[in-house]
N, C-alpha and C. Protein backbone atom coordinates (compact mmCIF):
# COMPACT_ATOMS: atom_id res chain seq x y z
N MET A 1 -12.92 -36.27 36.68
CA MET A 1 -12.07 -36.54 37.81
C MET A 1 -10.67 -36.03 37.50
N GLN A 2 -10.10 -35.36 38.46
CA GLN A 2 -8.83 -34.72 38.29
C GLN A 2 -7.74 -35.52 38.98
N ALA A 3 -6.54 -35.49 38.34
CA ALA A 3 -5.42 -36.18 38.96
C ALA A 3 -4.97 -35.40 40.19
N PRO A 4 -4.58 -36.08 41.23
CA PRO A 4 -4.15 -35.37 42.45
C PRO A 4 -2.83 -34.63 42.20
N LEU A 5 -2.71 -33.45 42.80
CA LEU A 5 -1.49 -32.68 42.66
C LEU A 5 -0.41 -33.31 43.51
N ARG A 6 0.80 -33.24 43.01
CA ARG A 6 1.91 -33.79 43.77
C ARG A 6 3.02 -32.77 43.80
N LYS A 7 3.90 -32.91 44.72
CA LYS A 7 5.06 -32.02 44.81
C LYS A 7 6.13 -32.56 43.90
N GLY A 8 6.81 -31.66 43.21
CA GLY A 8 7.86 -32.09 42.30
C GLY A 8 8.99 -31.10 42.29
N LYS A 9 9.92 -31.34 41.40
CA LYS A 9 11.05 -30.43 41.26
C LYS A 9 10.57 -29.11 40.65
N LYS A 10 11.41 -28.11 40.77
CA LYS A 10 11.01 -26.78 40.32
C LYS A 10 10.77 -26.74 38.81
N GLU A 11 11.56 -27.50 38.01
CA GLU A 11 11.40 -27.45 36.56
C GLU A 11 10.25 -28.32 36.07
N GLU A 12 9.62 -29.08 36.91
CA GLU A 12 8.49 -29.90 36.52
C GLU A 12 7.20 -29.15 36.77
N THR A 13 6.20 -29.46 35.96
CA THR A 13 4.88 -28.89 36.18
C THR A 13 4.12 -29.80 37.14
N LEU A 14 3.58 -29.21 38.13
CA LEU A 14 2.83 -30.01 39.10
C LEU A 14 1.50 -30.44 38.50
N GLY A 15 1.00 -31.59 38.92
CA GLY A 15 -0.28 -32.07 38.45
C GLY A 15 -0.15 -33.04 37.31
N ARG A 16 1.05 -33.38 36.88
CA ARG A 16 1.25 -34.32 35.80
C ARG A 16 1.42 -35.72 36.38
N ALA A 17 1.16 -36.67 35.51
CA ALA A 17 1.37 -38.05 35.94
C ALA A 17 2.86 -38.30 36.12
N GLU A 18 3.20 -39.35 36.76
CA GLU A 18 4.59 -39.64 37.07
C GLU A 18 5.39 -39.88 35.79
N GLY A 19 6.53 -39.24 35.71
CA GLY A 19 7.39 -39.39 34.55
C GLY A 19 7.14 -38.38 33.46
N VAL A 20 6.06 -37.65 33.48
CA VAL A 20 5.74 -36.65 32.45
C VAL A 20 6.12 -35.29 32.99
N THR A 21 7.02 -34.64 32.30
CA THR A 21 7.44 -33.31 32.74
C THR A 21 7.20 -32.30 31.63
N ARG A 22 6.97 -31.11 32.04
CA ARG A 22 6.80 -30.03 31.06
C ARG A 22 7.61 -28.86 31.58
N THR A 23 8.56 -28.46 30.79
CA THR A 23 9.40 -27.36 31.22
C THR A 23 8.94 -26.08 30.55
N GLY A 24 9.41 -24.98 31.04
CA GLY A 24 9.10 -23.69 30.45
C GLY A 24 9.66 -23.58 29.05
N ARG A 25 10.77 -24.27 28.79
CA ARG A 25 11.40 -24.24 27.49
C ARG A 25 10.51 -24.88 26.43
N SER A 26 9.89 -26.00 26.75
CA SER A 26 9.01 -26.65 25.78
C SER A 26 7.74 -25.83 25.54
N LEU A 27 7.28 -25.13 26.55
CA LEU A 27 6.13 -24.25 26.38
C LEU A 27 6.48 -23.11 25.42
N LEU A 28 7.66 -22.52 25.60
CA LEU A 28 8.09 -21.46 24.70
C LEU A 28 8.28 -21.98 23.28
N PHE A 29 8.80 -23.19 23.15
CA PHE A 29 8.97 -23.79 21.83
C PHE A 29 7.61 -23.99 21.15
N GLY A 30 6.64 -24.44 21.89
CA GLY A 30 5.29 -24.62 21.35
C GLY A 30 4.68 -23.30 20.91
N LEU A 31 4.87 -22.27 21.75
CA LEU A 31 4.37 -20.94 21.39
C LEU A 31 5.09 -20.40 20.16
N LEU A 32 6.39 -20.67 20.07
CA LEU A 32 7.16 -20.25 18.91
C LEU A 32 6.64 -20.93 17.64
N LEU A 33 6.40 -22.22 17.71
CA LEU A 33 5.85 -22.94 16.55
C LEU A 33 4.49 -22.39 16.17
N LEU A 34 3.67 -22.11 17.15
CA LEU A 34 2.35 -21.55 16.88
C LEU A 34 2.47 -20.17 16.23
N GLY A 35 3.40 -19.37 16.72
CA GLY A 35 3.61 -18.04 16.15
C GLY A 35 4.13 -18.11 14.72
N ILE A 36 5.07 -19.02 14.47
CA ILE A 36 5.61 -19.18 13.12
C ILE A 36 4.52 -19.64 12.16
N THR A 37 3.67 -20.55 12.61
CA THR A 37 2.58 -21.03 11.77
C THR A 37 1.61 -19.90 11.44
N ALA A 38 1.27 -19.11 12.46
CA ALA A 38 0.34 -17.99 12.23
C ALA A 38 0.96 -16.96 11.29
N LEU A 39 2.24 -16.66 11.50
CA LEU A 39 2.91 -15.67 10.66
C LEU A 39 3.03 -16.16 9.22
N SER A 40 3.37 -17.42 9.03
CA SER A 40 3.47 -17.94 7.66
C SER A 40 2.10 -17.94 6.98
N SER A 41 1.04 -18.19 7.73
CA SER A 41 -0.31 -18.13 7.15
C SER A 41 -0.65 -16.71 6.71
N LEU A 42 -0.27 -15.74 7.54
CA LEU A 42 -0.53 -14.34 7.19
C LEU A 42 0.28 -13.92 5.96
N VAL A 43 1.54 -14.33 5.90
CA VAL A 43 2.39 -13.98 4.75
C VAL A 43 1.83 -14.62 3.49
N TYR A 44 1.42 -15.88 3.56
CA TYR A 44 0.86 -16.57 2.40
C TYR A 44 -0.40 -15.86 1.92
N THR A 45 -1.28 -15.50 2.85
CA THR A 45 -2.52 -14.82 2.49
C THR A 45 -2.22 -13.47 1.84
N TRP A 46 -1.26 -12.74 2.41
CA TRP A 46 -0.91 -11.43 1.86
C TRP A 46 -0.35 -11.58 0.45
N GLN A 47 0.56 -12.55 0.24
CA GLN A 47 1.12 -12.76 -1.09
C GLN A 47 0.04 -13.15 -2.08
N ARG A 48 -0.89 -13.97 -1.65
CA ARG A 48 -1.98 -14.39 -2.53
C ARG A 48 -2.82 -13.19 -2.95
N GLN A 49 -3.09 -12.30 -2.01
CA GLN A 49 -3.87 -11.10 -2.34
C GLN A 49 -3.11 -10.21 -3.32
N VAL A 50 -1.80 -10.07 -3.13
CA VAL A 50 -0.99 -9.26 -4.04
C VAL A 50 -1.03 -9.85 -5.44
N VAL A 51 -0.88 -11.16 -5.55
CA VAL A 51 -0.91 -11.81 -6.86
C VAL A 51 -2.28 -11.64 -7.51
N GLU A 52 -3.35 -11.82 -6.75
CA GLU A 52 -4.70 -11.65 -7.29
C GLU A 52 -4.93 -10.23 -7.78
N SER A 53 -4.47 -9.25 -7.02
CA SER A 53 -4.67 -7.85 -7.45
C SER A 53 -3.84 -7.56 -8.71
N MET A 54 -2.65 -8.14 -8.81
CA MET A 54 -1.85 -7.95 -10.02
C MET A 54 -2.52 -8.61 -11.22
N LEU A 55 -3.10 -9.77 -11.03
CA LEU A 55 -3.80 -10.44 -12.13
C LEU A 55 -4.99 -9.62 -12.60
N GLU A 56 -5.74 -9.06 -11.65
CA GLU A 56 -6.88 -8.20 -12.02
C GLU A 56 -6.39 -6.97 -12.79
N SER A 57 -5.30 -6.38 -12.32
CA SER A 57 -4.75 -5.20 -12.99
C SER A 57 -4.29 -5.55 -14.40
N ASN A 58 -3.61 -6.69 -14.55
CA ASN A 58 -3.16 -7.11 -15.88
C ASN A 58 -4.34 -7.36 -16.81
N LEU A 59 -5.39 -7.98 -16.31
CA LEU A 59 -6.57 -8.25 -17.13
C LEU A 59 -7.22 -6.95 -17.58
N ARG A 60 -7.31 -5.99 -16.66
CA ARG A 60 -7.89 -4.69 -17.00
C ARG A 60 -7.04 -3.98 -18.05
N LEU A 61 -5.71 -4.03 -17.90
CA LEU A 61 -4.83 -3.39 -18.86
C LEU A 61 -4.87 -4.08 -20.23
N GLU A 62 -5.01 -5.41 -20.23
CA GLU A 62 -5.14 -6.13 -21.51
C GLU A 62 -6.42 -5.74 -22.22
N LYS A 63 -7.51 -5.56 -21.48
CA LYS A 63 -8.77 -5.13 -22.10
C LYS A 63 -8.63 -3.72 -22.67
N GLN A 64 -7.95 -2.84 -21.94
CA GLN A 64 -7.73 -1.48 -22.44
C GLN A 64 -6.88 -1.52 -23.71
N LEU A 65 -5.86 -2.38 -23.72
CA LEU A 65 -5.01 -2.51 -24.90
C LEU A 65 -5.80 -2.99 -26.11
N GLU A 66 -6.65 -3.99 -25.90
CA GLU A 66 -7.47 -4.49 -27.00
C GLU A 66 -8.39 -3.40 -27.53
N ALA A 67 -9.01 -2.65 -26.62
CA ALA A 67 -9.90 -1.57 -27.04
C ALA A 67 -9.13 -0.50 -27.82
N THR A 68 -7.94 -0.17 -27.36
CA THR A 68 -7.12 0.83 -28.04
C THR A 68 -6.69 0.34 -29.42
N GLU A 69 -6.32 -0.95 -29.51
CA GLU A 69 -5.93 -1.50 -30.82
C GLU A 69 -7.10 -1.48 -31.80
N LYS A 70 -8.31 -1.79 -31.31
CA LYS A 70 -9.49 -1.73 -32.18
C LYS A 70 -9.75 -0.30 -32.63
N LYS A 71 -9.58 0.66 -31.72
CA LYS A 71 -9.79 2.07 -32.06
C LYS A 71 -8.77 2.51 -33.10
N ILE A 72 -7.51 2.09 -32.94
CA ILE A 72 -6.46 2.44 -33.90
C ILE A 72 -6.80 1.87 -35.27
N GLU A 73 -7.24 0.61 -35.29
CA GLU A 73 -7.60 -0.02 -36.57
C GLU A 73 -8.75 0.73 -37.24
N THR A 74 -9.75 1.13 -36.46
CA THR A 74 -10.88 1.88 -37.00
C THR A 74 -10.42 3.23 -37.55
N LEU A 75 -9.56 3.92 -36.81
CA LEU A 75 -9.07 5.23 -37.25
C LEU A 75 -8.19 5.10 -38.50
N GLU A 76 -7.38 4.03 -38.57
CA GLU A 76 -6.56 3.84 -39.78
C GLU A 76 -7.45 3.59 -41.00
N PHE A 77 -8.51 2.84 -40.82
CA PHE A 77 -9.45 2.61 -41.92
C PHE A 77 -10.11 3.91 -42.34
N GLU A 78 -10.47 4.72 -41.33
CA GLU A 78 -11.11 6.00 -41.61
C GLU A 78 -10.16 6.94 -42.36
N VAL A 79 -8.91 6.97 -41.97
CA VAL A 79 -7.91 7.81 -42.63
C VAL A 79 -7.73 7.36 -44.08
N ALA A 80 -7.66 6.05 -44.28
CA ALA A 80 -7.51 5.53 -45.65
C ALA A 80 -8.72 5.90 -46.50
N ALA A 81 -9.91 5.82 -45.91
CA ALA A 81 -11.12 6.15 -46.66
C ALA A 81 -11.17 7.65 -46.97
N LEU A 82 -10.78 8.48 -45.99
CA LEU A 82 -10.83 9.92 -46.21
C LEU A 82 -9.76 10.39 -47.18
N GLY A 83 -8.67 9.65 -47.28
CA GLY A 83 -7.60 10.05 -48.16
C GLY A 83 -7.71 9.52 -49.58
N ALA A 84 -8.76 8.79 -49.89
CA ALA A 84 -8.92 8.23 -51.23
C ALA A 84 -9.15 9.36 -52.23
N LEU A 85 -8.48 9.28 -53.37
CA LEU A 85 -8.56 10.33 -54.38
C LEU A 85 -9.98 10.52 -54.91
N SER A 86 -10.71 9.44 -55.09
CA SER A 86 -12.08 9.57 -55.61
C SER A 86 -12.96 10.34 -54.64
N ARG A 87 -12.76 10.14 -53.35
CA ARG A 87 -13.56 10.87 -52.35
C ARG A 87 -13.19 12.34 -52.35
N ILE A 88 -11.91 12.63 -52.50
CA ILE A 88 -11.48 14.03 -52.51
C ILE A 88 -12.03 14.75 -53.74
N GLU A 89 -12.01 14.08 -54.90
CA GLU A 89 -12.55 14.69 -56.12
C GLU A 89 -14.03 14.98 -55.97
N VAL A 90 -14.79 14.03 -55.41
CA VAL A 90 -16.23 14.24 -55.22
C VAL A 90 -16.47 15.40 -54.28
N ARG A 91 -15.73 15.49 -53.20
CA ARG A 91 -15.93 16.56 -52.23
C ARG A 91 -15.52 17.90 -52.82
N ALA A 92 -14.43 17.92 -53.57
CA ALA A 92 -13.98 19.18 -54.18
C ALA A 92 -15.01 19.69 -55.18
N ALA A 93 -15.58 18.78 -55.96
CA ALA A 93 -16.57 19.21 -56.95
C ALA A 93 -17.89 19.58 -56.29
N GLY A 94 -18.32 18.82 -55.29
CA GLY A 94 -19.63 19.05 -54.69
C GLY A 94 -19.67 20.20 -53.71
N GLN A 95 -18.76 20.22 -52.76
CA GLN A 95 -18.82 21.22 -51.69
C GLN A 95 -18.03 22.48 -52.01
N LEU A 96 -16.95 22.34 -52.74
CA LEU A 96 -16.09 23.50 -53.00
C LEU A 96 -16.27 24.07 -54.40
N ASN A 97 -17.18 23.47 -55.18
CA ASN A 97 -17.47 23.93 -56.54
C ASN A 97 -16.22 24.02 -57.41
N MET A 98 -15.33 23.06 -57.25
CA MET A 98 -14.12 23.01 -58.07
C MET A 98 -14.38 22.13 -59.28
N VAL A 99 -13.65 22.42 -60.36
CA VAL A 99 -13.78 21.62 -61.58
C VAL A 99 -12.41 21.03 -61.90
N PRO A 100 -12.37 19.93 -62.64
CA PRO A 100 -11.07 19.36 -63.00
C PRO A 100 -10.28 20.34 -63.86
N LEU A 101 -8.98 20.27 -63.76
CA LEU A 101 -8.09 21.15 -64.48
C LEU A 101 -8.07 20.77 -65.96
N CYS A 102 -8.25 21.78 -66.83
CA CYS A 102 -8.16 21.58 -68.27
C CYS A 102 -6.82 22.18 -68.70
N TRP A 103 -5.91 21.35 -69.13
CA TRP A 103 -4.56 21.79 -69.45
C TRP A 103 -4.52 22.70 -70.68
N ASP A 104 -5.59 22.70 -71.47
CA ASP A 104 -5.63 23.60 -72.62
C ASP A 104 -5.76 25.07 -72.18
N ASP A 105 -6.33 25.28 -70.97
CA ASP A 105 -6.52 26.64 -70.47
C ASP A 105 -5.34 27.14 -69.65
N VAL A 106 -4.33 26.32 -69.48
CA VAL A 106 -3.19 26.69 -68.63
C VAL A 106 -2.15 27.41 -69.48
N VAL A 107 -1.70 28.55 -68.97
CA VAL A 107 -0.66 29.32 -69.62
C VAL A 107 0.56 29.29 -68.71
N ILE A 108 1.68 28.89 -69.28
CA ILE A 108 2.90 28.80 -68.49
C ILE A 108 3.78 29.99 -68.86
N ILE A 109 4.17 30.74 -67.87
CA ILE A 109 5.04 31.90 -68.08
C ILE A 109 6.39 31.56 -67.50
N GLU A 110 7.39 31.68 -68.34
CA GLU A 110 8.74 31.39 -67.88
C GLU A 110 9.31 32.62 -67.24
N ARG A 111 10.06 32.43 -66.21
CA ARG A 111 10.67 33.54 -65.49
C ARG A 111 11.90 34.00 -66.27
N MET A 112 12.05 35.30 -66.35
CA MET A 112 13.19 35.87 -67.02
C MET A 112 14.32 36.01 -66.02
N GLU A 113 15.51 35.67 -66.48
CA GLU A 113 16.70 35.83 -65.65
C GLU A 113 17.09 37.30 -65.65
N GLY A 114 17.38 37.80 -64.54
CA GLY A 114 17.81 39.18 -64.50
C GLY A 114 17.58 39.79 -63.13
N LYS A 115 17.72 41.10 -63.09
CA LYS A 115 17.55 41.79 -61.82
C LYS A 115 16.08 42.01 -61.53
N ALA A 116 15.76 41.84 -60.29
CA ALA A 116 14.39 42.11 -59.86
C ALA A 116 14.34 43.52 -59.30
N LYS A 117 13.31 44.26 -59.61
CA LYS A 117 13.20 45.63 -59.12
C LYS A 117 12.36 45.70 -57.90
């Protein structure tokens, strides 16, 4: 059942009960509040997505950093192992057919001071 329409002043909405008025200003205020609420929800959602994407990016970069640090550690160990004197001596003797230096076979020639021709 609908309330009967009545005639009222121009700023009143027709069809309201006696004493209840609704102006265009209050309607605009309600729409403004609704718009602000919707906009703030959109801004919050957007900020949340930005933060989540940054967290994912940071996590991915941290994993890359850990992998790189492990690789560096492995390579440093490899360099230390390859640079060990005992390994170099074994490789020189085995692959390059080198023998240890015998100082009894070394002849030292001193350079003479003078003019070179």
